[in-house]
Amino acid sequence: MFDVLIVGGGASGMSCALVLGSAKDRAYAREKRIGIIVHQKASHLQDALFNNVLGIAPGTTGAAILESGKSQLVTQYPHVAQIEKEKVLEIKRNGDQFTVRTNKNNYSSKLVVIAVGYTNLMRIKGLEHYIEAHPRAAAEKDRIWLKNRDHLIEDGLYVTGTLAGWRSQFAIASGSGAHVATDILTLWNNGKHTKVHDKI
């Protein structure tokens, strides 16, 4: 049983996992079980090249960021479970929790964060009735979003990044993942607005 399970290992999913993982020493997050299904094959980062992102050296590839993100997560926050080489097929609500079915296993989680891309090839069963045409993408690109309000699809079910309706920019996707993470931390902290910063 996870307290939160993130589906997708791109910019928004990894950012969400890093912020959640960084709260490990806070009383409200200390016992929480966090997982991320790090499916990255379809990520738009695979063929991205970055020259215009603050803090990232010009010429850095998206593929390099995907790999360094996984290493950063395991080094800094090893308590966050990384589930690799599994693809999510279905998400189903069971009372106050969710069952996430992959091509290899079933997982239970109290909260689920959907952090996959916004192409119309997204085929996770159980999400069909939330799919609409993307509000911030060119119509000819045939992009989709999961209808949500401030990243929340329904109670306990979140969406991040381009699939949440945002434009396809690395900084926007990363920020969206961090936004959802702080919303979850706030929920765990009994509604008290929460963020996590490290200081020198």
C-alpha atoms as a PDB file:
ATOM      1  CA  MET A   1       0.000   0.000   0.000  1.00  0.00           C
ATOM      2  CA  PHE A   2       1.389   3.386  -1.057  1.00  0.00           C
ATOM      3  CA  ASP A   3       0.330   6.705   0.375  1.00  0.00           C
ATOM      4  CA  VAL A   4       0.994   8.220  -3.048  1.00  0.00           C
ATOM      5  CA  LEU A   5       1.909   6.571  -6.339  1.00  0.00           C
ATOM      6  CA  ILE A   6       3.130   8.705  -9.261  1.00  0.00           C
ATOM      7  CA  VAL A   7       2.551   7.355 -12.764  1.00  0.00           C
ATOM      8  CA  GLY A   8       5.193   8.631 -15.186  1.00  0.00           C
ATOM      9  CA  GLY A   9       8.886   9.485 -14.952  1.00  0.00           C
ATOM     10  CA  GLY A  10       9.144  12.626 -17.083  1.00  0.00           C
ATOM     11  CA  ALA A  11       9.720  16.212 -15.939  1.00  0.00           C
ATOM     12  CA  SER A  12       6.530  16.598 -13.928  1.00  0.00           C
ATOM     13  CA  GLY A  13       6.530  13.114 -12.395  1.00  0.00           C
ATOM     14  CA  MET A  14      10.162  13.233 -11.305  1.00  0.00           C
ATOM     15  CA  SER A  15       9.757  16.761  -9.955  1.00  0.00           C
ATOM     16  CA  CYS A  16       6.740  15.630  -7.927  1.00  0.00           C
ATOM     17  CA  ALA A  17       8.693  12.654  -6.543  1.00  0.00           C
ATOM     18  CA  LEU A  18      11.709  14.798  -5.610  1.00  0.00           C
ATOM     19  CA  VAL A  19       9.643  17.344  -3.680  1.00  0.00           C
ATOM     20  CA  LEU A  20       7.638  14.650  -1.899  1.00  0.00           C
ATOM     21  CA  GLY A  21      10.825  12.756  -1.079  1.00  0.00           C
ATOM     22  CA  SER A  22      12.464  15.886   0.311  1.00  0.00           C
ATOM     23  CA  ALA A  23       9.841  16.099   3.092  1.00  0.00           C
ATOM     24  CA  LYS A  24      11.022  12.836   4.657  1.00  0.00           C
ATOM     25  CA  ASP A  25      12.119  14.459   7.921  1.00  0.00           C
ATOM     26  CA  ARG A  26       8.855  16.303   8.500  1.00  0.00           C
ATOM     27  CA  ALA A  27       6.559  14.666  11.056  1.00  0.00           C
ATOM     28  CA  TYR A  28       3.579  14.647   8.677  1.00  0.00           C
ATOM     29  CA  ALA A  29       5.538  12.846   5.918  1.00  0.00           C
ATOM     30  CA  ARG A  30       7.937  10.639   7.890  1.00  0.00           C
ATOM     31  CA  GLU A  31       5.869   7.444   7.670  1.00  0.00           C
ATOM     32  CA  LYS A  32       4.438   8.036   4.196  1.00  0.00           C
ATOM     33  CA  ARG A  33       5.159   5.464   1.507  1.00  0.00           C
ATOM     34  CA  ILE A  34       5.909   7.141  -1.830  1.00  0.00           C
ATOM     35  CA  GLY A  35       6.339   5.377  -5.169  1.00  0.00           C
ATOM     36  CA  ILE A  36       6.871   6.336  -8.797  1.00  0.00           C
ATOM     37  CA  ILE A  37       6.338   4.150 -11.837  1.00  0.00           C
ATOM     38  CA  VAL A  38       9.246   5.428 -13.904  1.00  0.00           C
ATOM     39  CA  HIS A  39       7.979   4.735 -17.405  1.00  0.00           C
ATOM     40  CA  GLN A  40      10.025   7.087 -19.609  1.00  0.00           C
ATOM     41  CA  LYS A  41       9.944   5.539 -23.089  1.00  0.00           C
ATOM     42  CA  ALA A  42       7.196   7.840 -24.373  1.00  0.00           C
ATOM     43  CA  SER A  43       8.460  10.996 -22.631  1.00  0.00           C
ATOM     44  CA  HIS A  44       8.935  14.007 -24.891  1.00  0.00           C
ATOM     45  CA  LEU A  45      12.232  14.526 -23.063  1.00  0.00           C
ATOM     46  CA  GLN A  46      13.722  11.594 -24.975  1.00  0.00           C
ATOM     47  CA  ASP A  47      14.452  13.830 -27.982  1.00  0.00           C
ATOM     48  CA  ALA A  48      14.609  17.240 -26.281  1.00  0.00           C
ATOM     49  CA  LEU A  49      17.583  19.614 -26.297  1.00  0.00           C
ATOM     50  CA  PHE A  50      17.756  22.386 -23.680  1.00  0.00           C
ATOM     51  CA  ASN A  51      19.301  25.783 -24.263  1.00  0.00           C
ATOM     52  CA  ASN A  52      16.724  28.016 -22.543  1.00  0.00           C
ATOM     53  CA  VAL A  53      16.119  26.533 -19.071  1.00  0.00           C
ATOM     54  CA  LEU A  54      17.431  28.300 -15.980  1.00  0.00           C
ATOM     55  CA  GLY A  55      20.032  26.206 -14.149  1.00  0.00           C
ATOM     56  CA  ILE A  56      20.480  23.640 -16.921  1.00  0.00           C
ATOM     57  CA  ALA A  57      23.641  23.936 -19.006  1.00  0.00           C
ATOM     58  CA  PRO A  58      22.924  24.761 -22.676  1.00  0.00           C
ATOM     59  CA  GLY A  59      23.200  21.665 -24.829  1.00  0.00           C
ATOM     60  CA  THR A  60      21.874  19.315 -22.151  1.00  0.00           C
ATOM     61  CA  THR A  61      19.642  16.629 -23.614  1.00  0.00           C
ATOM     62  CA  GLY A  62      16.326  15.527 -22.226  1.00  0.00           C
ATOM     63  CA  ALA A  63      17.502  11.910 -22.274  1.00  0.00           C
ATOM     64  CA  ALA A  64      20.382  12.883 -19.955  1.00  0.00           C
ATOM     65  CA  ILE A  65      17.944  14.634 -17.603  1.00  0.00           C
ATOM     66  CA  LEU A  66      15.744  11.532 -17.461  1.00  0.00           C
ATOM     67  CA  GLU A  67      18.695   9.408 -16.360  1.00  0.00           C
ATOM     68  CA  SER A  68      20.157  11.973 -13.949  1.00  0.00           C
ATOM     69  CA  GLY A  69      16.693  12.487 -12.435  1.00  0.00           C
ATOM     70  CA  LYS A  70      16.437   8.829 -11.503  1.00  0.00           C
ATOM     71  CA  SER A  71      19.943   8.917 -10.036  1.00  0.00           C
ATOM     72  CA  GLN A  72      19.176  12.091  -8.086  1.00  0.00           C
ATOM     73  CA  LEU A  73      16.035  10.530  -6.638  1.00  0.00           C
ATOM     74  CA  VAL A  74      17.740   7.310  -5.562  1.00  0.00           C
ATOM     75  CA  THR A  75      20.742   9.171  -4.110  1.00  0.00           C
ATOM     76  CA  GLN A  76      18.888  11.922  -2.273  1.00  0.00           C
ATOM     77  CA  TYR A  77      15.666  10.142  -1.356  1.00  0.00           C
ATOM     78  CA  PRO A  78      16.145   6.359  -1.516  1.00  0.00           C
ATOM     79  CA  HIS A  79      12.942   5.822   0.482  1.00  0.00           C
ATOM     80  CA  VAL A  80      10.970   6.752  -2.667  1.00  0.00           C
ATOM     81  CA  ALA A  81      10.325   3.453  -4.460  1.00  0.00           C
ATOM     82  CA  GLN A  82      11.197   3.543  -8.167  1.00  0.00           C
ATOM     83  CA  ILE A  83       9.262   0.968 -10.172  1.00  0.00           C
ATOM     84  CA  GLU A  84      10.903   0.434 -13.563  1.00  0.00           C
ATOM     85  CA  LYS A  85      10.008  -1.444 -16.751  1.00  0.00           C
ATOM     86  CA  GLU A  86       6.271  -1.461 -16.025  1.00  0.00           C
ATOM     87  CA  LYS A  87       3.520   0.265 -17.980  1.00  0.00           C
ATOM     88  CA  VAL A  88       0.261   1.290 -16.335  1.00  0.00           C
ATOM     89  CA  LEU A  89      -2.790  -0.242 -17.979  1.00  0.00           C
ATOM     90  CA  GLU A  90      -5.608   0.677 -15.605  1.00  0.00           C
ATOM     91  CA  ILE A  91      -6.421   2.862 -12.610  1.00  0.00           C
ATOM     92  CA  LYS A  92      -9.497   1.936 -10.625  1.00  0.00           C
ATOM     93  CA  ARG A  93     -11.009   3.446  -7.498  1.00  0.00           C
ATOM     94  CA  ASN A  94     -11.791   1.047  -4.669  1.00  0.00           C
ATOM     95  CA  GLY A  95     -13.521   3.035  -1.936  1.00  0.00           C
ATOM     96  CA  ASP A  96     -11.032   5.505  -0.511  1.00  0.00           C
ATOM     97  CA  GLN A  97      -8.027   4.124  -2.408  1.00  0.00           C
ATOM     98  CA  PHE A  98      -6.948   3.181  -5.922  1.00  0.00           C
ATOM     99  CA  THR A  99      -5.719   0.030  -7.621  1.00  0.00           C
ATOM    100  CA  VAL A 100      -3.067   0.670 -10.265  1.00  0.00           C
ATOM    101  CA  ARG A 101      -2.648  -2.257 -12.658  1.00  0.00           C
ATOM    102  CA  THR A 102       0.495  -2.524 -14.764  1.00  0.00           C
ATOM    103  CA  ASN A 103       1.595  -5.098 -17.321  1.00  0.00           C
ATOM    104  CA  LYS A 104       3.327  -6.942 -14.436  1.00  0.00           C
ATOM    105  CA  ASN A 105       1.734  -6.084 -11.069  1.00  0.00           C
ATOM    106  CA  ASN A 106      -1.118  -4.507  -9.128  1.00  0.00           C
ATOM    107  CA  TYR A 107      -0.468  -1.705  -6.626  1.00  0.00           C
ATOM    108  CA  SER A 108      -2.733  -0.023  -4.078  1.00  0.00           C
ATOM    109  CA  SER A 109      -2.408   3.644  -3.201  1.00  0.00           C
ATOM    110  CA  LYS A 110      -4.368   6.236  -1.248  1.00  0.00           C
ATOM    111  CA  LEU A 111      -3.402   8.955  -3.756  1.00  0.00           C
ATOM    112  CA  VAL A 112      -2.424   8.699  -7.425  1.00  0.00           C
ATOM    113  CA  VAL A 113      -0.661  11.306  -9.572  1.00  0.00           C
ATOM    114  CA  ILE A 114      -0.940  10.927 -13.370  1.00  0.00           C
ATOM    115  CA  ALA A 115       2.221  12.409 -14.921  1.00  0.00           C
ATOM    116  CA  VAL A 116       2.316  11.021 -18.453  1.00  0.00           C
ATOM    117  CA  GLY A 117       2.372  12.877 -21.770  1.00  0.00           C
ATOM    118  CA  TYR A 118      -0.533  14.557 -23.510  1.00  0.00           C
ATOM    119  CA  THR A 119      -0.690  12.644 -26.765  1.00  0.00           C
ATOM    120  CA  ASN A 120      -3.888  10.903 -27.768  1.00  0.00           C
ATOM    121  CA  LEU A 121      -1.988   7.616 -27.414  1.00  0.00           C
ATOM    122  CA  MET A 122      -2.501   7.757 -23.643  1.00  0.00           C
ATOM    123  CA  ARG A 123      -4.545   4.608 -23.064  1.00  0.00           C
ATOM    124  CA  ILE A 124      -4.861   4.105 -19.312  1.00  0.00           C
ATOM    125  CA  LYS A 125      -8.180   2.414 -18.666  1.00  0.00           C
ATOM    126  CA  GLY A 126     -10.334   4.173 -16.093  1.00  0.00           C
ATOM    127  CA  LEU A 127      -9.408   7.695 -17.216  1.00  0.00           C
ATOM    128  CA  GLU A 128     -11.396   7.799 -20.464  1.00  0.00           C
ATOM    129  CA  HIS A 129     -14.257   9.940 -19.207  1.00  0.00           C
ATOM    130  CA  TYR A 130     -11.852  12.735 -18.155  1.00  0.00           C
ATOM    131  CA  ILE A 131     -10.221  13.091 -21.594  1.00  0.00           C
ATOM    132  CA  GLU A 132     -10.894  16.263 -23.574  1.00  0.00           C
ATOM    133  CA  ALA A 133      -9.125  18.229 -26.318  1.00  0.00           C
ATOM    134  CA  HIS A 134      -6.118  20.082 -24.897  1.00  0.00           C
ATOM    135  CA  PRO A 135      -6.956  23.758 -24.211  1.00  0.00           C
ATOM    136  CA  ARG A 136      -3.443  25.112 -24.864  1.00  0.00           C
ATOM    137  CA  ALA A 137      -2.190  23.074 -27.812  1.00  0.00           C
ATOM    138  CA  ALA A 138      -2.659  23.586 -31.563  1.00  0.00           C
ATOM    139  CA  ALA A 139      -5.766  21.703 -32.694  1.00  0.00           C
ATOM    140  CA  GLU A 140      -3.891  19.942 -35.509  1.00  0.00           C
ATOM    141  CA  LYS A 141      -1.561  18.318 -32.950  1.00  0.00           C
ATOM    142  CA  ASP A 142      -4.536  16.384 -31.507  1.00  0.00           C
ATOM    143  CA  ARG A 143      -3.341  16.693 -27.905  1.00  0.00           C
ATOM    144  CA  ILE A 144      -5.450  15.792 -24.888  1.00  0.00           C
ATOM    145  CA  TRP A 145      -5.810  16.743 -21.235  1.00  0.00           C
ATOM    146  CA  LEU A 146      -7.500  15.172 -18.253  1.00  0.00           C
ATOM    147  CA  LYS A 147     -10.129  17.642 -17.128  1.00  0.00           C
ATOM    148  CA  ASN A 148      -9.162  18.904 -13.692  1.00  0.00           C
ATOM    149  CA  ARG A 149      -9.407  21.815 -11.332  1.00  0.00           C
ATOM    150  CA  ASP A 150      -6.039  23.046 -10.095  1.00  0.00           C
ATOM    151  CA  HIS A 151      -4.477  19.620 -10.878  1.00  0.00           C
ATOM    152  CA  LEU A 152      -7.188  17.663  -9.031  1.00  0.00           C
ATOM    153  CA  ILE A 153      -9.269  15.349 -11.233  1.00  0.00           C
ATOM    154  CA  GLU A 154     -11.287  13.915  -8.379  1.00  0.00           C
ATOM    155  CA  ASP A 155     -10.672  13.273  -4.708  1.00  0.00           C
ATOM    156  CA  GLY A 156      -7.269  11.594  -4.385  1.00  0.00           C
ATOM    157  CA  LEU A 157      -6.518  11.638  -8.131  1.00  0.00           C
ATOM    158  CA  TYR A 158      -4.141  14.291  -9.488  1.00  0.00           C
ATOM    159  CA  VAL A 159      -2.702  15.116 -12.906  1.00  0.00           C
ATOM    160  CA  THR A 160       0.468  17.078 -13.726  1.00  0.00           C
ATOM    161  CA  GLY A 161       2.281  18.671 -16.636  1.00  0.00           C
ATOM    162  CA  THR A 162       0.965  18.819 -20.177  1.00  0.00           C
ATOM    163  CA  LEU A 163      -1.757  16.282 -19.389  1.00  0.00           C
ATOM    164  CA  ALA A 164      -3.060  18.755 -16.771  1.00  0.00           C
ATOM    165  CA  GLY A 165      -3.630  21.281 -19.563  1.00  0.00           C
ATOM    166  CA  TRP A 166      -0.329  23.171 -19.451  1.00  0.00           C
ATOM    167  CA  ARG A 167       1.899  24.065 -22.376  1.00  0.00           C
ATOM    168  CA  SER A 168       4.839  21.887 -23.281  1.00  0.00           C
ATOM    169  CA  GLN A 169       7.780  23.682 -21.637  1.00  0.00           C
ATOM    170  CA  PHE A 170      10.183  21.914 -19.314  1.00  0.00           C
ATOM    171  CA  ALA A 171       9.973  24.550 -16.585  1.00  0.00           C
ATOM    172  CA  ILE A 172       6.161  24.537 -16.688  1.00  0.00           C
ATOM    173  CA  ALA A 173       5.970  20.734 -16.444  1.00  0.00           C
ATOM    174  CA  SER A 174       8.489  20.633 -13.585  1.00  0.00           C
ATOM    175  CA  GLY A 175       6.651  23.382 -11.757  1.00  0.00           C
ATOM    176  CA  SER A 176       3.359  21.568 -12.198  1.00  0.00           C
ATOM    177  CA  GLY A 177       4.823  18.442 -10.589  1.00  0.00           C
ATOM    178  CA  ALA A 178       6.179  20.484  -7.683  1.00  0.00           C
ATOM    179  CA  HIS A 179       2.783  22.190  -7.319  1.00  0.00           C
ATOM    180  CA  VAL A 180       1.021  18.851  -6.937  1.00  0.00           C
ATOM    181  CA  ALA A 181       3.670  17.649  -4.475  1.00  0.00           C
ATOM    182  CA  THR A 182       3.120  20.684  -2.245  1.00  0.00           C
ATOM    183  CA  ASP A 183      -0.653  20.168  -2.456  1.00  0.00           C
ATOM    184  CA  ILE A 184      -0.171  16.590  -1.238  1.00  0.00           C
ATOM    185  CA  LEU A 185       2.193  17.709   1.527  1.00  0.00           C
ATOM    186  CA  THR A 186      -0.409  20.288   2.573  1.00  0.00           C
ATOM    187  CA  LEU A 187      -3.031  17.522   2.679  1.00  0.00           C
ATOM    188  CA  TRP A 188      -0.748  15.380   4.857  1.00  0.00           C
ATOM    189  CA  ASN A 189      -0.097  18.412   7.076  1.00  0.00           C
ATOM    190  CA  ASN A 190      -3.803  18.683   7.950  1.00  0.00           C
ATOM    191  CA  GLY A 191      -4.423  21.487   5.461  1.00  0.00           C
ATOM    192  CA  LYS A 192      -1.640  23.767   6.674  1.00  0.00           C
ATOM    193  CA  HIS A 193       0.018  25.253   3.575  1.00  0.00           C
ATOM    194  CA  THR A 194       3.333  23.483   3.131  1.00  0.00           C
ATOM    195  CA  LYS A 195       6.509  23.734   1.075  1.00  0.00           C
ATOM    196  CA  VAL A 196       9.971  22.230   1.476  1.00  0.00           C
ATOM    197  CA  HIS A 197      13.171  24.245   1.036  1.00  0.00           C
ATOM    198  CA  ASP A 198      16.736  23.309   1.882  1.00  0.00           C
ATOM    199  CA  LYS A 199      18.907  26.168   3.144  1.00  0.00           C
ATOM    200  CA  ILE A 200      22.620  26.743   3.559  1.00  0.00           C
END
